Amino acid sequence: MSELRVMTWNVENLFEPEDADGPGARAEFEAKIESLAAVIDQAKPHVVALQEIGSESALTRLRTRSEIT
């Protein structure tokens, strides 16, 4: 039997620092990206559903850091 791993996660306001609702510093944003990517990579899901992605650029940054395709 095949296995399908699905992950859903509310990442809570993933905005770039330049966005009005973003964090105050680039380092804070990068630390959040690293933390999110580490958890996703460890879970190794086949499908990921993320909520509260603030911008396309924030999602792109997360995708390039993690194994999300």
N, C-alpha and C. Protein backbone atom coordinates (compact mmCIF):
# COMPACT_ATOMS: atom_id res chain seq x y z
N MET A 1 0.83 -1.18 0.00
CA MET A 1 0.00 0.00 0.00
C MET A 1 0.88 1.25 0.00
N SER A 2 0.53 2.22 -0.79
CA SER A 2 1.27 3.49 -0.87
C SER A 2 0.90 4.40 0.28
N GLU A 3 1.81 5.29 0.60
CA GLU A 3 1.59 6.25 1.66
C GLU A 3 1.56 7.65 1.07
N LEU A 4 0.62 8.47 1.55
CA LEU A 4 0.52 9.87 1.14
C LEU A 4 0.58 10.72 2.40
N ARG A 5 1.59 11.58 2.48
CA ARG A 5 1.73 12.48 3.62
C ARG A 5 1.27 13.88 3.22
N VAL A 6 0.28 14.39 3.96
CA VAL A 6 -0.28 15.72 3.72
C VAL A 6 0.00 16.57 4.95
N MET A 7 0.41 17.81 4.70
CA MET A 7 0.70 18.74 5.80
C MET A 7 -0.07 20.02 5.56
N THR A 8 -0.74 20.51 6.58
CA THR A 8 -1.38 21.81 6.51
C THR A 8 -0.87 22.63 7.69
N TRP A 9 -0.61 23.92 7.43
CA TRP A 9 0.03 24.74 8.46
C TRP A 9 -0.33 26.21 8.27
N ASN A 10 -0.78 26.83 9.34
CA ASN A 10 -1.00 28.27 9.34
C ASN A 10 0.33 28.88 9.79
N VAL A 11 1.04 29.49 8.87
CA VAL A 11 2.38 30.01 9.16
C VAL A 11 2.37 31.42 9.74
N GLU A 12 1.19 31.94 10.03
CA GLU A 12 1.01 33.21 10.73
C GLU A 12 1.73 34.40 10.11
N ASN A 13 1.08 35.02 9.17
CA ASN A 13 1.55 36.29 8.60
C ASN A 13 2.96 36.24 8.03
N LEU A 14 3.16 35.39 7.05
CA LEU A 14 4.49 35.30 6.42
C LEU A 14 4.61 36.41 5.37
N PHE A 15 5.05 37.55 5.83
CA PHE A 15 5.25 38.73 4.98
C PHE A 15 6.74 39.06 4.92
N GLU A 16 7.14 39.62 3.80
CA GLU A 16 8.50 40.17 3.67
C GLU A 16 8.61 41.41 4.57
N PRO A 17 9.80 41.74 5.05
CA PRO A 17 9.97 42.93 5.90
C PRO A 17 9.50 44.22 5.23
N GLU A 18 9.58 44.27 3.92
CA GLU A 18 9.20 45.49 3.21
C GLU A 18 7.68 45.69 3.17
N ASP A 19 6.90 44.62 3.40
CA ASP A 19 5.44 44.71 3.40
C ASP A 19 4.98 45.42 4.67
N ALA A 20 3.84 46.09 4.58
CA ALA A 20 3.31 46.83 5.73
C ALA A 20 3.10 45.94 6.95
N ASP A 21 2.68 44.70 6.76
CA ASP A 21 2.43 43.80 7.88
C ASP A 21 3.61 42.89 8.19
N GLY A 22 4.74 43.15 7.56
CA GLY A 22 5.92 42.30 7.73
C GLY A 22 6.68 42.57 9.01
N PRO A 23 7.64 41.69 9.30
CA PRO A 23 8.47 41.89 10.50
C PRO A 23 9.36 43.12 10.33
N GLY A 24 9.90 43.57 11.43
CA GLY A 24 10.71 44.78 11.41
C GLY A 24 12.09 44.62 10.81
N ALA A 25 12.59 43.40 10.72
CA ALA A 25 13.97 43.22 10.26
C ALA A 25 14.08 42.01 9.34
N ARG A 26 14.99 42.10 8.40
CA ARG A 26 15.24 41.01 7.46
C ARG A 26 15.69 39.75 8.20
N ALA A 27 16.50 39.91 9.25
CA ALA A 27 17.00 38.75 10.01
C ALA A 27 15.85 37.99 10.65
N GLU A 28 14.86 38.69 11.14
CA GLU A 28 13.69 38.04 11.75
C GLU A 28 12.92 37.23 10.70
N PHE A 29 12.75 37.79 9.51
CA PHE A 29 12.08 37.10 8.42
C PHE A 29 12.86 35.86 8.00
N GLU A 30 14.16 36.00 7.85
CA GLU A 30 14.99 34.87 7.43
C GLU A 30 14.99 33.76 8.48
N ALA A 31 14.98 34.13 9.76
CA ALA A 31 14.91 33.12 10.82
C ALA A 31 13.59 32.36 10.76
N LYS A 32 12.51 33.06 10.48
CA LYS A 32 11.21 32.40 10.36
C LYS A 32 11.20 31.46 9.16
N ILE A 33 11.75 31.90 8.04
CA ILE A 33 11.84 31.05 6.84
C ILE A 33 12.64 29.78 7.16
N GLU A 34 13.78 29.93 7.81
CA GLU A 34 14.62 28.79 8.15
C GLU A 34 13.88 27.80 9.05
N SER A 35 13.17 28.33 10.03
CA SER A 35 12.43 27.49 10.96
C SER A 35 11.30 26.74 10.26
N LEU A 36 10.54 27.44 9.45
CA LEU A 36 9.44 26.80 8.70
C LEU A 36 9.98 25.73 7.76
N ALA A 37 11.02 26.05 7.03
CA ALA A 37 11.60 25.11 6.08
C ALA A 37 12.11 23.85 6.78
N ALA A 38 12.72 24.02 7.93
CA ALA A 38 13.26 22.87 8.67
C ALA A 38 12.14 21.91 9.08
N VAL A 39 11.04 22.45 9.55
CA VAL A 39 9.92 21.60 9.97
C VAL A 39 9.30 20.90 8.76
N ILE A 40 9.11 21.63 7.68
CA ILE A 40 8.54 21.03 6.47
C ILE A 40 9.45 19.94 5.93
N ASP A 41 10.73 20.24 5.86
CA ASP A 41 11.69 19.25 5.34
C ASP A 41 11.75 18.01 6.22
N GLN A 42 11.65 18.19 7.51
CA GLN A 42 11.68 17.04 8.42
C GLN A 42 10.44 16.16 8.24
N ALA A 43 9.28 16.78 8.01
CA ALA A 43 8.03 16.03 7.84
C ALA A 43 7.97 15.32 6.48
N LYS A 44 8.68 15.84 5.51
CA LYS A 44 8.73 15.28 4.16
C LYS A 44 7.33 14.99 3.58
N PRO A 45 6.46 16.01 3.59
CA PRO A 45 5.11 15.78 3.06
C PRO A 45 5.12 15.70 1.53
N HIS A 46 4.16 14.98 1.00
CA HIS A 46 3.97 14.96 -0.46
C HIS A 46 3.16 16.19 -0.90
N VAL A 47 2.27 16.64 -0.02
CA VAL A 47 1.42 17.80 -0.29
C VAL A 47 1.49 18.73 0.91
N VAL A 48 1.65 20.02 0.65
CA VAL A 48 1.69 21.03 1.72
C VAL A 48 0.65 22.09 1.42
N ALA A 49 -0.21 22.38 2.39
CA ALA A 49 -1.18 23.47 2.28
C ALA A 49 -0.81 24.50 3.35
N LEU A 50 -0.46 25.70 2.92
CA LEU A 50 -0.03 26.74 3.84
C LEU A 50 -1.06 27.87 3.87
N GLN A 51 -1.35 28.34 5.06
CA GLN A 51 -2.26 29.47 5.22
C GLN A 51 -1.47 30.67 5.74
N GLU A 52 -1.99 31.85 5.45
CA GLU A 52 -1.44 33.14 5.85
C GLU A 52 -0.08 33.43 5.23
N ILE A 53 0.08 33.06 3.97
CA ILE A 53 1.24 33.49 3.19
C ILE A 53 0.94 34.92 2.74
N GLY A 54 1.74 35.86 3.16
CA GLY A 54 1.44 37.26 2.92
C GLY A 54 1.73 37.75 1.51
N SER A 55 2.67 37.11 0.83
CA SER A 55 3.01 37.58 -0.51
C SER A 55 3.62 36.44 -1.32
N GLU A 56 3.58 36.60 -2.63
CA GLU A 56 4.19 35.61 -3.52
C GLU A 56 5.69 35.52 -3.28
N SER A 57 6.32 36.65 -2.98
CA SER A 57 7.77 36.63 -2.75
C SER A 57 8.13 35.87 -1.47
N ALA A 58 7.28 35.96 -0.45
CA ALA A 58 7.54 35.20 0.78
C ALA A 58 7.41 33.70 0.52
N LEU A 59 6.41 33.31 -0.27
CA LEU A 59 6.24 31.90 -0.62
C LEU A 59 7.43 31.42 -1.46
N THR A 60 7.86 32.22 -2.40
CA THR A 60 9.01 31.87 -3.23
C THR A 60 10.25 31.67 -2.36
N ARG A 61 10.46 32.53 -1.40
CA ARG A 61 11.63 32.41 -0.50
C ARG A 61 11.56 31.10 0.28
N LEU A 62 10.37 30.76 0.78
CA LEU A 62 10.21 29.52 1.52
C LEU A 62 10.43 28.31 0.62
N ARG A 63 9.92 28.37 -0.59
CA ARG A 63 10.09 27.26 -1.53
C ARG A 63 11.56 27.05 -1.88
N THR A 64 12.30 28.12 -2.07
CA THR A 64 13.72 27.97 -2.44
C THR A 64 14.56 27.46 -1.27
N ARG A 65 14.14 27.73 -0.05
CA ARG A 65 14.88 27.27 1.13
C ARG A 65 14.54 25.82 1.48
N SER A 66 13.32 25.41 1.21
CA SER A 66 12.89 24.07 1.61
C SER A 66 12.86 23.14 0.40
N GLU A 67 12.43 21.93 0.65
CA GLU A 67 12.32 20.94 -0.41
C GLU A 67 10.96 20.95 -1.09
N ILE A 68 10.16 22.00 -0.84
CA ILE A 68 8.85 22.14 -1.47
C ILE A 68 9.05 22.34 -2.98
N THR A 69 8.29 21.62 -3.77
CA THR A 69 8.36 21.82 -5.22
C THR A 69 7.06 22.31 -5.79
